[in-house]
């Protein structure tokens, strides 16, 4: 995922969720000011419903903040890859 931080550099956990199920997370990451690429570890997540859109948040100082996205973050049935 490509992330743009327009604020100060922080350390936090980036989480991708499908409703209440965690799809993937990158824990205790340095999130520098500017644009950075985030790699998530492999998980055994499988789609649970017909809507394949996800929410992304950053947990900073034990408070989750939703990310503003330019586009909706959804899985597309093209061999099931995730593309924004």
N, C-alpha and C. Protein backbone atom coordinates (compact mmCIF):
# COMPACT_ATOMS: atom_id res chain seq x y z
N UNK A 1 0.84 -1.14 0.00
CA UNK A 1 0.00 0.00 0.00
C UNK A 1 0.90 1.22 0.00
N UNK A 2 0.49 2.25 -0.71
CA UNK A 2 1.21 3.53 -0.73
C UNK A 2 0.47 4.47 0.23
N UNK A 3 1.23 5.02 1.15
CA UNK A 3 0.67 5.86 2.21
C UNK A 3 1.30 7.25 2.15
N UNK A 4 0.46 8.27 2.23
CA UNK A 4 0.99 9.64 2.28
C UNK A 4 0.61 10.25 3.62
N UNK A 5 1.63 10.63 4.39
CA UNK A 5 1.46 11.25 5.69
C UNK A 5 1.76 12.74 5.55
N UNK A 6 0.76 13.57 5.70
CA UNK A 6 0.94 15.01 5.55
C UNK A 6 1.21 15.68 6.90
N UNK A 7 1.24 14.89 7.97
CA UNK A 7 1.52 15.43 9.30
C UNK A 7 2.94 15.11 9.72
N UNK A 8 3.15 15.06 11.01
CA UNK A 8 4.48 14.74 11.53
C UNK A 8 4.73 13.24 11.48
N UNK A 9 5.99 12.85 11.56
CA UNK A 9 6.35 11.43 11.60
C UNK A 9 5.81 10.82 12.89
N UNK A 10 5.27 9.61 12.77
CA UNK A 10 4.73 8.91 13.94
C UNK A 10 5.12 7.44 13.88
N UNK A 11 4.81 6.72 14.94
CA UNK A 11 4.95 5.27 14.98
C UNK A 11 3.57 4.72 15.33
N UNK A 12 3.09 3.74 14.55
CA UNK A 12 1.76 3.20 14.79
C UNK A 12 1.55 1.89 14.07
N UNK A 13 0.36 1.35 14.20
CA UNK A 13 -0.03 0.09 13.55
C UNK A 13 -1.03 0.42 12.45
N UNK A 14 -0.76 -0.06 11.24
CA UNK A 14 -1.67 0.13 10.11
C UNK A 14 -2.46 -1.16 9.95
N UNK A 15 -3.78 -1.03 9.89
CA UNK A 15 -4.65 -2.20 9.89
C UNK A 15 -5.65 -2.11 8.74
N UNK A 16 -5.80 -3.23 8.01
CA UNK A 16 -6.83 -3.37 6.98
C UNK A 16 -7.89 -4.30 7.55
N UNK A 17 -9.16 -3.86 7.51
CA UNK A 17 -10.24 -4.65 8.09
C UNK A 17 -11.39 -4.85 7.13
N UNK A 18 -12.04 -6.00 7.27
CA UNK A 18 -13.28 -6.35 6.59
C UNK A 18 -14.33 -6.43 7.69
N UNK A 19 -15.09 -5.35 7.86
CA UNK A 19 -16.02 -5.21 9.00
C UNK A 19 -15.22 -5.37 10.29
N UNK A 20 -15.45 -6.44 11.08
CA UNK A 20 -14.75 -6.62 12.35
C UNK A 20 -13.58 -7.60 12.25
N UNK A 21 -13.29 -8.11 11.07
CA UNK A 21 -12.20 -9.08 10.87
C UNK A 21 -10.95 -8.38 10.34
N UNK A 22 -9.82 -8.59 11.03
CA UNK A 22 -8.56 -8.01 10.58
C UNK A 22 -8.05 -8.82 9.39
N UNK A 23 -7.84 -8.15 8.26
CA UNK A 23 -7.33 -8.79 7.04
C UNK A 23 -5.80 -8.88 7.13
N UNK A 24 -5.17 -7.76 7.48
CA UNK A 24 -3.71 -7.71 7.62
C UNK A 24 -3.36 -6.48 8.45
N UNK A 25 -2.21 -6.55 9.11
CA UNK A 25 -1.74 -5.37 9.83
C UNK A 25 -0.24 -5.34 9.88
N UNK A 26 0.29 -4.13 9.88
CA UNK A 26 1.73 -3.89 10.01
C UNK A 26 1.90 -3.17 11.34
N UNK A 27 2.50 -3.86 12.30
CA UNK A 27 2.56 -3.35 13.67
C UNK A 27 3.79 -2.50 13.95
N UNK A 28 3.58 -1.50 14.82
CA UNK A 28 4.64 -0.66 15.35
C UNK A 28 5.58 -0.15 14.27
N UNK A 29 4.99 0.42 13.23
CA UNK A 29 5.77 0.92 12.08
C UNK A 29 6.10 2.39 12.23
N UNK A 30 7.27 2.76 11.76
CA UNK A 30 7.59 4.18 11.62
C UNK A 30 6.86 4.68 10.38
N UNK A 31 6.08 5.73 10.53
CA UNK A 31 5.34 6.32 9.43
C UNK A 31 5.90 7.72 9.22
N UNK A 32 6.84 7.86 8.29
CA UNK A 32 7.49 9.16 8.10
C UNK A 32 6.58 10.15 7.39
N UNK A 33 6.92 11.40 7.49
CA UNK A 33 6.21 12.43 6.74
C UNK A 33 6.50 12.22 5.25
N UNK A 34 5.49 12.39 4.41
CA UNK A 34 5.65 12.19 2.98
C UNK A 34 5.05 10.87 2.53
N UNK A 35 5.49 10.39 1.38
CA UNK A 35 4.95 9.16 0.78
C UNK A 35 5.86 7.99 1.10
N UNK A 36 5.24 6.87 1.50
CA UNK A 36 6.02 5.65 1.76
C UNK A 36 5.18 4.44 1.35
N UNK A 37 5.85 3.35 1.03
CA UNK A 37 5.18 2.09 0.69
C UNK A 37 5.17 1.20 1.92
N UNK A 38 4.03 0.54 2.16
CA UNK A 38 3.87 -0.34 3.31
C UNK A 38 3.65 -1.76 2.81
N UNK A 39 4.43 -2.69 3.31
CA UNK A 39 4.27 -4.11 2.98
C UNK A 39 3.59 -4.80 4.17
N UNK A 40 2.57 -5.57 3.89
CA UNK A 40 1.86 -6.30 4.93
C UNK A 40 2.27 -7.76 4.91
N UNK A 41 2.33 -8.41 6.07
CA UNK A 41 2.65 -9.83 6.10
C UNK A 41 1.50 -10.65 5.51
N UNK A 42 1.81 -11.82 5.01
CA UNK A 42 0.81 -12.74 4.46
C UNK A 42 -0.13 -13.19 5.57
N UNK A 43 -1.42 -13.26 5.26
CA UNK A 43 -2.41 -13.81 6.19
C UNK A 43 -3.28 -14.82 5.45
N UNK A 44 -4.02 -15.58 6.18
CA UNK A 44 -4.92 -16.58 5.59
C UNK A 44 -6.35 -16.04 5.49
N UNK A 45 -6.48 -14.77 5.26
CA UNK A 45 -7.80 -14.15 5.15
C UNK A 45 -8.54 -14.69 3.93
N UNK A 46 -9.84 -14.92 4.09
CA UNK A 46 -10.69 -15.26 2.94
C UNK A 46 -11.95 -14.40 3.02
N UNK A 47 -12.46 -14.00 1.86
CA UNK A 47 -13.63 -13.13 1.82
C UNK A 47 -14.80 -13.79 2.54
N UNK A 48 -15.52 -13.00 3.31
CA UNK A 48 -16.63 -13.51 4.11
C UNK A 48 -18.00 -13.07 3.60
N UNK A 49 -18.03 -12.14 2.66
CA UNK A 49 -19.31 -11.60 2.20
C UNK A 49 -19.20 -11.18 0.74
N UNK A 50 -20.31 -10.79 0.16
CA UNK A 50 -20.28 -10.45 -1.27
C UNK A 50 -19.67 -9.07 -1.53
N UNK A 51 -19.66 -8.18 -0.55
CA UNK A 51 -19.03 -6.86 -0.70
C UNK A 51 -17.57 -7.01 -0.28
N UNK A 52 -16.64 -6.74 -1.18
CA UNK A 52 -15.22 -6.98 -0.92
C UNK A 52 -14.45 -5.68 -0.71
N UNK A 53 -15.06 -4.73 -0.02
CA UNK A 53 -14.37 -3.47 0.26
C UNK A 53 -13.89 -3.46 1.70
N UNK A 54 -12.79 -2.76 1.93
CA UNK A 54 -12.12 -2.78 3.23
C UNK A 54 -11.97 -1.39 3.80
N UNK A 55 -11.76 -1.32 5.11
CA UNK A 55 -11.40 -0.07 5.76
C UNK A 55 -9.94 -0.17 6.19
N UNK A 56 -9.25 0.96 6.16
CA UNK A 56 -7.85 1.02 6.55
C UNK A 56 -7.73 2.07 7.64
N UNK A 57 -7.01 1.73 8.72
CA UNK A 57 -6.84 2.68 9.81
C UNK A 57 -5.41 2.62 10.34
N UNK A 58 -5.03 3.69 11.02
CA UNK A 58 -3.74 3.76 11.70
C UNK A 58 -4.05 3.87 13.19
N UNK A 59 -3.50 2.94 13.97
CA UNK A 59 -3.65 2.97 15.41
C UNK A 59 -2.45 3.72 15.98
N UNK A 60 -2.69 4.91 16.50
CA UNK A 60 -1.65 5.78 17.02
C UNK A 60 -1.99 6.13 18.47
N UNK A 61 -1.08 5.80 19.37
CA UNK A 61 -1.27 6.03 20.80
C UNK A 61 -2.59 5.42 21.28
N UNK A 62 -2.83 4.18 20.86
CA UNK A 62 -3.98 3.35 21.25
C UNK A 62 -5.33 3.88 20.77
N UNK A 63 -5.30 4.74 19.76
CA UNK A 63 -6.54 5.24 19.16
C UNK A 63 -6.50 4.99 17.66
N UNK A 64 -7.50 4.25 17.11
CA UNK A 64 -7.53 4.03 15.66
C UNK A 64 -8.10 5.24 14.92
N UNK A 65 -7.41 5.64 13.86
CA UNK A 65 -7.85 6.73 13.01
C UNK A 65 -8.05 6.19 11.60
N UNK A 66 -9.26 6.38 11.01
CA UNK A 66 -9.47 5.91 9.63
C UNK A 66 -8.64 6.75 8.67
N UNK A 67 -8.16 6.11 7.61
CA UNK A 67 -7.40 6.82 6.60
C UNK A 67 -8.33 7.42 5.56
N UNK A 68 -8.00 8.61 5.12
CA UNK A 68 -8.71 9.21 3.99
C UNK A 68 -8.13 8.59 2.74
N UNK A 69 -8.97 8.05 1.88
CA UNK A 69 -8.49 7.40 0.66
C UNK A 69 -9.03 8.13 -0.56
N UNK A 70 -8.19 8.24 -1.57
CA UNK A 70 -8.61 8.87 -2.82
C UNK A 70 -9.64 8.00 -3.53
N UNK A 71 -9.52 6.68 -3.36
CA UNK A 71 -10.45 5.73 -3.97
C UNK A 71 -10.84 4.70 -2.93
N UNK A 72 -11.97 4.03 -3.16
CA UNK A 72 -12.39 2.96 -2.28
C UNK A 72 -11.42 1.79 -2.42
N UNK A 73 -11.09 1.13 -1.32
CA UNK A 73 -10.14 0.03 -1.31
C UNK A 73 -10.93 -1.28 -1.37
N UNK A 74 -11.01 -1.89 -2.57
CA UNK A 74 -11.83 -3.08 -2.78
C UNK A 74 -11.07 -4.14 -3.55
N UNK A 75 -11.40 -5.41 -3.29
CA UNK A 75 -10.88 -6.52 -4.06
C UNK A 75 -11.65 -6.62 -5.37
N UNK A 76 -10.98 -6.88 -6.44
CA UNK A 76 -11.62 -7.02 -7.76
C UNK A 76 -11.48 -8.47 -8.21
N UNK A 77 -12.54 -9.06 -8.79
CA UNK A 77 -12.47 -10.44 -9.24
C UNK A 77 -11.64 -10.59 -10.53
N UNK A 78 -10.35 -10.31 -10.41
CA UNK A 78 -9.41 -10.46 -11.53
C UNK A 78 -8.31 -11.39 -11.06
N UNK A 79 -8.66 -12.61 -10.69
CA UNK A 79 -7.70 -13.50 -10.06
C UNK A 79 -7.54 -13.14 -8.59
N UNK A 80 -8.47 -12.31 -8.07
CA UNK A 80 -8.52 -11.89 -6.69
C UNK A 80 -7.25 -11.20 -6.22
N UNK A 81 -6.86 -10.18 -6.95
CA UNK A 81 -5.80 -9.30 -6.47
C UNK A 81 -6.45 -8.05 -5.92
N UNK A 82 -5.77 -7.37 -5.02
CA UNK A 82 -6.31 -6.15 -4.44
C UNK A 82 -5.73 -4.96 -5.16
N UNK A 83 -6.60 -4.14 -5.72
CA UNK A 83 -6.16 -2.93 -6.41
C UNK A 83 -7.04 -1.78 -5.95
N UNK A 84 -6.46 -0.58 -5.76
CA UNK A 84 -7.28 0.55 -5.33
C UNK A 84 -8.23 0.99 -6.44
